[in-house]
Protein backbone atom coordinates (compact mmCIF):
# COMPACT_ATOMS: atom_id res chain seq x y z
CA MET A 1 0.00 0.00 0.00
CA SER A 2 1.51 3.33 -1.10
CA ASN A 3 1.84 6.38 1.17
CA PRO A 4 -0.54 9.16 0.06
CA PHE A 5 1.62 11.83 1.75
CA ASP A 6 4.37 11.25 -0.75
CA LEU A 7 2.45 13.45 -3.12
CA LEU A 8 3.02 16.49 -0.83
CA GLY A 9 6.78 16.26 -1.11
CA ASN A 10 9.55 16.05 1.48
CA ASP A 11 9.15 18.42 4.45
CA VAL A 12 12.69 17.94 5.62
CA GLU A 13 14.67 21.18 5.27
CA ASP A 14 17.69 20.92 3.09
CA ALA A 15 20.50 23.45 3.38
CA ASN A 16 21.28 23.23 -0.30
CA VAL A 17 17.74 24.07 -1.37
CA VAL A 18 17.20 27.86 -1.91
CA ALA A 19 13.86 29.19 -0.69
CA PRO A 20 11.83 30.94 -3.40
CA LEU A 21 11.49 34.74 -3.15
CA PRO A 22 8.08 36.22 -2.34
CA PRO A 23 6.24 37.65 -5.35
CA LYS A 24 6.60 41.38 -5.98
CA GLU A 25 3.52 43.39 -5.10
CA ILE A 26 2.18 45.30 -8.05
CA VAL A 27 0.58 48.65 -7.16
CA ARG A 28 -1.81 49.99 -9.72
CA ASN A 29 -1.79 53.71 -10.41
CA THR A 30 -4.96 55.26 -9.07
CA THR A 31 -7.18 57.34 -11.36
CA SER A 32 -9.21 58.94 -8.58
CA SER A 33 -9.54 62.74 -8.55
CA LYS A 34 -9.66 62.90 -4.74
CA LYS A 35 -6.71 64.64 -3.13
CA ALA A 36 -4.85 62.67 -0.50
CA ASP A 37 -3.70 64.59 2.56
CA VAL A 38 -0.18 63.25 2.08
CA PRO A 39 2.65 65.15 0.42
CA PRO A 40 3.94 63.53 -2.77
CA PRO A 41 7.15 61.50 -2.46
CA SER A 42 8.97 63.93 -4.75
CA ALA A 43 8.23 66.94 -2.50
CA ASP A 44 11.23 68.62 -0.92
CA PRO A 45 10.33 70.48 2.30
CA SER A 46 13.53 72.56 2.14
CA ARG A 47 12.45 74.10 -1.16
CA ALA A 48 8.91 74.90 0.00
CA ASN A 49 7.64 78.48 -0.08
CA LYS A 50 8.07 79.90 3.41
CA ASN A 51 5.95 83.00 2.72
CA ARG A 52 2.90 80.98 1.81
CA PRO A 53 -0.09 82.19 3.85
CA LYS A 54 -1.42 79.73 6.38
CA PRO A 55 -5.05 78.68 6.18
CA THR A 56 -7.49 80.39 8.50
CA GLY A 57 -11.06 79.88 9.61
CA ASN A 58 -12.88 76.76 8.51
CA GLU A 59 -10.05 75.68 6.25
CA ALA A 60 -7.55 75.75 9.14
CA ALA A 61 -9.94 73.80 11.36
CA PHE A 62 -10.47 71.24 8.61
CA LYS A 63 -6.72 70.73 8.07
CA ASP A 64 -5.85 70.67 11.78
CA LYS A 65 -5.02 67.05 12.56
CA ASN A 66 -4.84 67.65 16.31
CA GLY A 67 -8.33 69.11 16.46
CA GLY A 68 -11.68 67.44 16.41
CA ARG A 69 -14.06 65.93 18.91
CA LYS A 70 -12.14 62.69 19.35
CA ASN A 71 -8.86 64.42 20.18
CA ASN A 72 -10.48 66.98 22.48
CA ARG A 73 -12.15 64.32 24.61
CA SER A 74 -8.79 62.96 25.64
CA ARG A 75 -7.53 66.39 26.71
CA GLU A 76 -8.12 68.00 30.09
CA ALA A 77 -9.63 71.45 30.48
CA PRO A 78 -7.17 74.24 31.42
CA ALA A 79 -7.15 75.22 35.08
CA GLU A 80 -7.06 78.95 34.33
CA THR A 81 -7.20 80.98 31.17
CA THR A 82 -4.29 83.38 30.95
CA GLY A 83 -4.98 86.98 29.99
CA ALA A 84 -8.72 86.82 30.67
CA LYS A 85 -10.28 89.88 32.33
CA ARG A 86 -12.29 88.98 35.40
CA THR A 87 -15.23 91.22 36.25
CA THR A 88 -17.95 90.73 38.80
CA HIS A 89 -21.64 90.82 38.02
CA ALA A 90 -22.07 94.12 39.88
CA ALA A 91 -19.28 95.76 37.88
CA ARG A 92 -20.79 94.63 34.59
CA ARG A 93 -24.25 95.79 35.63
CA SER A 94 -23.07 99.31 36.51
CA SER A 95 -21.56 99.85 33.05
CA ASP A 96 -24.28 98.09 31.10
CA ARG A 97 -26.75 100.16 29.00
CA GLN A 98 -24.95 103.40 29.77
CA ASN A 99 -24.12 106.25 27.44
CA ARG A 100 -20.46 105.87 26.53
CA SER A 101 -20.24 108.73 24.02
CA GLY A 102 -18.95 111.16 26.66
CA LYS A 103 -21.53 113.86 25.77
CA VAL A 104 -23.46 115.45 28.64
CA ASP A 105 -26.36 117.97 28.47
CA THR A 106 -25.18 121.39 29.59
CA GLU A 107 -27.22 123.82 31.69
CA LYS A 108 -27.85 126.06 28.69
CA ARG A 109 -29.28 123.17 26.70
CA VAL A 110 -31.48 122.17 29.63
CA ARG A 111 -32.81 125.75 29.99
CA GLN A 112 -33.58 125.97 26.27
CA GLY A 113 -35.38 122.65 26.26
CA TRP A 114 -37.25 122.74 29.58
CA GLY A 115 -37.38 126.48 30.29
CA ASP A 116 -35.61 128.76 32.75
CA ASN A 117 -37.04 128.87 36.28
CA LYS A 118 -35.80 132.42 36.85
CA LYS A 119 -37.76 133.84 33.88
CA GLU A 120 -40.89 131.82 34.51
CA VAL A 121 -42.76 134.64 36.35
CA THR A 122 -42.13 137.28 33.68
CA GLU A 123 -43.08 134.89 30.88
CA GLU A 124 -46.38 134.03 32.58
CA ALA A 125 -47.24 137.74 33.00
CA ALA A 126 -46.53 138.45 29.31
CA ALA A 127 -48.65 135.46 28.30
CA GLU A 128 -51.61 136.74 30.36
CA ILE A 129 -51.40 140.19 28.71
CA ASP A 130 -51.40 138.61 25.23
CA ALA A 131 -54.40 136.45 26.12
CA GLN A 132 -56.41 139.46 27.36
CA ALA A 133 -55.63 141.40 24.16
CA GLU A 134 -56.83 138.52 21.99
CA ILE A 135 -60.07 138.21 23.98
CA GLU A 136 -60.84 141.93 23.62
CA ALA A 137 -60.16 141.82 19.86
CA ASP A 138 -62.57 138.89 19.46
CA LYS A 139 -65.29 140.75 21.38
CA ALA A 140 -64.88 143.87 19.20
CA GLU A 141 -65.29 141.83 16.02
CA GLU A 142 -68.45 140.20 17.35
CA GLU A 143 -70.02 143.56 18.34
CA THR A 144 -69.45 145.27 14.95
CA PRO A 145 -71.03 143.08 12.25
CA ALA A 146 -69.45 143.33 8.84
CA SER A 147 -71.62 145.12 6.24
CA ASN A 148 -71.56 143.85 2.67
CA LYS A 149 -73.28 146.93 1.22
CA LYS A 150 -71.43 149.52 -0.86
CA SER A 151 -72.63 152.63 -2.68
CA LEU A 152 -72.16 153.15 -6.40
CA GLN A 153 -69.91 156.16 -5.91
CA ASP A 154 -67.64 154.20 -3.58
CA TYR A 155 -67.43 151.39 -6.12
CA LEU A 156 -66.53 153.79 -8.96
CA ASP A 157 -63.90 155.51 -6.83
CA GLU A 158 -62.38 152.15 -5.97
CA VAL A 159 -62.29 151.09 -9.62
CA ASN A 160 -60.72 154.38 -10.76
CA SER A 161 -58.12 154.27 -8.02
CA SER A 162 -57.03 150.80 -9.08
CA GLY A 163 -54.97 150.40 -12.24
CA LEU A 164 -57.28 147.86 -13.92
CA ASN A 165 -59.26 150.24 -16.17
CA LYS A 166 -56.43 152.55 -17.11
CA ALA A 167 -55.93 152.98 -20.84
CA PRO A 168 -52.56 151.74 -22.02
CA ALA A 169 -50.14 154.42 -23.10
CA ALA A 170 -49.62 154.70 -26.84
CA LYS A 171 -46.28 153.52 -28.06
CA LYS A 172 -44.14 155.95 -29.98
CA SER A 173 -43.59 155.07 -33.61
CA VAL A 174 -40.30 155.39 -35.44
CA ASP A 175 -41.43 158.59 -37.18
CA GLN A 176 -42.21 160.30 -33.89
CA LEU A 177 -38.74 159.71 -32.49
CA GLU A 178 -36.46 162.69 -32.71
CA ASP A 179 -32.77 162.47 -33.48
CA ALA A 180 -33.05 158.76 -34.12
CA GLU A 181 -30.47 156.92 -36.17
CA LEU A 182 -31.14 153.71 -38.01
CA LEU A 183 -28.49 151.13 -37.17
CA VAL A 184 -27.85 148.40 -39.70
CA LYS A 185 -25.72 145.49 -38.67
CA LYS A 186 -22.90 144.80 -41.08
CA GLU A 187 -21.50 141.35 -41.49
CA GLU A 188 -17.74 141.27 -41.19
CA VAL A 189 -15.81 138.95 -43.46
CA TYR A 190 -12.92 137.46 -41.50
CA ALA A 191 -11.53 135.28 -44.30
CA GLU A 192 -12.24 136.04 -47.93
CA PRO A 193 -12.98 133.01 -50.11
CA THR A 194 -10.37 132.06 -52.69
CA LYS A 195 -12.91 130.75 -55.20
CA VAL A 196 -16.33 132.10 -55.89
CA LYS A 197 -18.87 129.50 -56.86
CA SER A 198 -20.78 130.49 -59.95
CA LEU A 199 -24.45 129.72 -59.76
CA LYS A 200 -26.09 128.60 -62.95
CA SER A 201 -29.39 130.26 -63.55
CA LYS A 202 -32.01 127.83 -64.75
CA GLN A 203 -34.32 128.92 -67.52
CA LEU A 204 -37.85 129.12 -66.30
CA LYS A 205 -40.48 127.22 -68.20
CA SER A 206 -42.88 129.46 -70.08
CA LYS A 207 -46.41 128.51 -71.03
CA GLN A 208 -47.46 128.83 -74.66
CA TYR A 209 -51.07 129.49 -75.55
CA LEU A 210 -52.62 128.44 -78.90
CA ASP A 211 -55.48 130.31 -80.58
CA PHE A 212 -57.86 128.21 -82.71
CA ASP A 213 -61.45 128.35 -83.94
CA VAL A 214 -63.90 125.73 -82.81
CA ASN A 215 -66.81 124.70 -85.07
CA PHE A 216 -69.60 122.48 -83.76
CA SER A 217 -71.66 120.27 -86.10
CA ASP A 218 -75.14 118.81 -85.63
CA SER A 219 -75.46 115.74 -83.48
CA GLN A 220 -77.51 113.85 -86.20
CA SER A 221 -75.68 113.46 -89.46
CA SER A 222 -77.62 113.66 -92.74
CA ALA A 223 -75.83 110.66 -94.31
CA LYS A 224 -77.78 107.42 -94.05
CA PRO A 225 -76.04 104.16 -93.18
CA ARG A 226 -75.44 101.79 -96.08
CA LYS A 227 -77.47 98.61 -96.05
CA PHE A 228 -76.50 95.35 -97.64
CA ASP A 229 -78.88 92.63 -98.84
CA ASN A 230 -77.69 89.05 -98.59
CA ASN A 231 -79.97 87.92 -101.41
CA LYS A 232 -78.49 90.44 -103.82
CA GLY A 233 -75.01 89.13 -103.30
CA GLY A 234 -73.70 92.13 -101.43
CA PRO A 235 -70.54 91.87 -99.31
CA ARG A 236 -70.91 90.60 -95.78
CA ARG A 237 -69.11 91.99 -92.77
CA GLY A 238 -65.66 90.48 -92.73
CA GLY A 239 -66.31 88.00 -95.59
CA LYS A 240 -66.42 87.63 -99.35
CA SER A 241 -69.43 88.37 -101.49
CA LYS A 242 -71.85 85.48 -102.01
CA PRO A 243 -72.62 84.61 -105.64
CA ALA A 244 -76.22 84.98 -106.72
CA LYS A 245 -78.31 81.84 -107.20
CA ALA A 246 -79.48 80.77 -110.63
CA ALA A 247 -83.14 81.18 -111.42
CA GLY A 248 -83.97 77.53 -112.25
CA GLU A 249 -81.69 75.85 -109.69
CA GLN A 250 -83.39 73.63 -107.09
CA LYS A 251 -82.15 71.62 -104.15
CA PRO A 252 -81.89 67.83 -104.66
CA ALA A 253 -84.56 65.76 -102.94
CA VAL A 254 -83.49 63.66 -99.98
CA ASN A 255 -83.87 59.94 -100.84
CA ALA A 256 -82.53 56.76 -99.21
CA LYS A 257 -81.22 55.57 -102.57
CA ASN A 258 -78.67 58.33 -102.67
CA PHE A 259 -76.94 57.02 -99.48
CA PRO A 260 -74.88 53.76 -99.44
CA SER A 261 -76.14 50.85 -97.40
CA LEU A 262 -74.37 49.97 -94.15
CA ALA A 263 -75.09 46.21 -94.37
């Protein structure tokens, strides 16, 4: 009976036998358009641009490898924040909602806006005098009713005194002016033309009249129209004359013998 394990070969290590090399791993070039956050192998950090601006804001937070929720959970909170200004609640409340412009209302502005206490008595007395004068004026207007009547003479005097019906003054004509000189504006020629354009005068069209005598004839002419008789062999309109028939000529009689048979 044969040993089936002979098919697997000899497991005994032989010093003369060379172990086969592992196969070389083949890496396929990627065609993805995604950028890897790893510098390329050909990058030289010594030749990098040192003046390149660093990212800020969301971009800096996105590229920060030490940030993030997972990394912050492993860190401990700072015991004290350096450089922070400590203020109590009472100190903040005293300065809150206060005018910080530095402008303050002066006494003059307060007096102009709210009135001066020293002049209050004199102003009240002047106001009472003005009120009494207005009341007396109203009473006088009520006692004397206004009359809408006017006499004719008063109306004519009022119209004549106004300048509505005054006749306009006559304007002086040129003949009435004394020692008047007629001024005619002369056109000055600053640059004389070198060539004078000759204008061709066109000959005007003249109308010619013809003299002729006109004679009118009667509407009905005396000449009678010419008549033609077809029997007499006269000429027809647009055709030749028809020869006259002989006296003894007769038409042949219609008989079946004169026609050939169709059988």
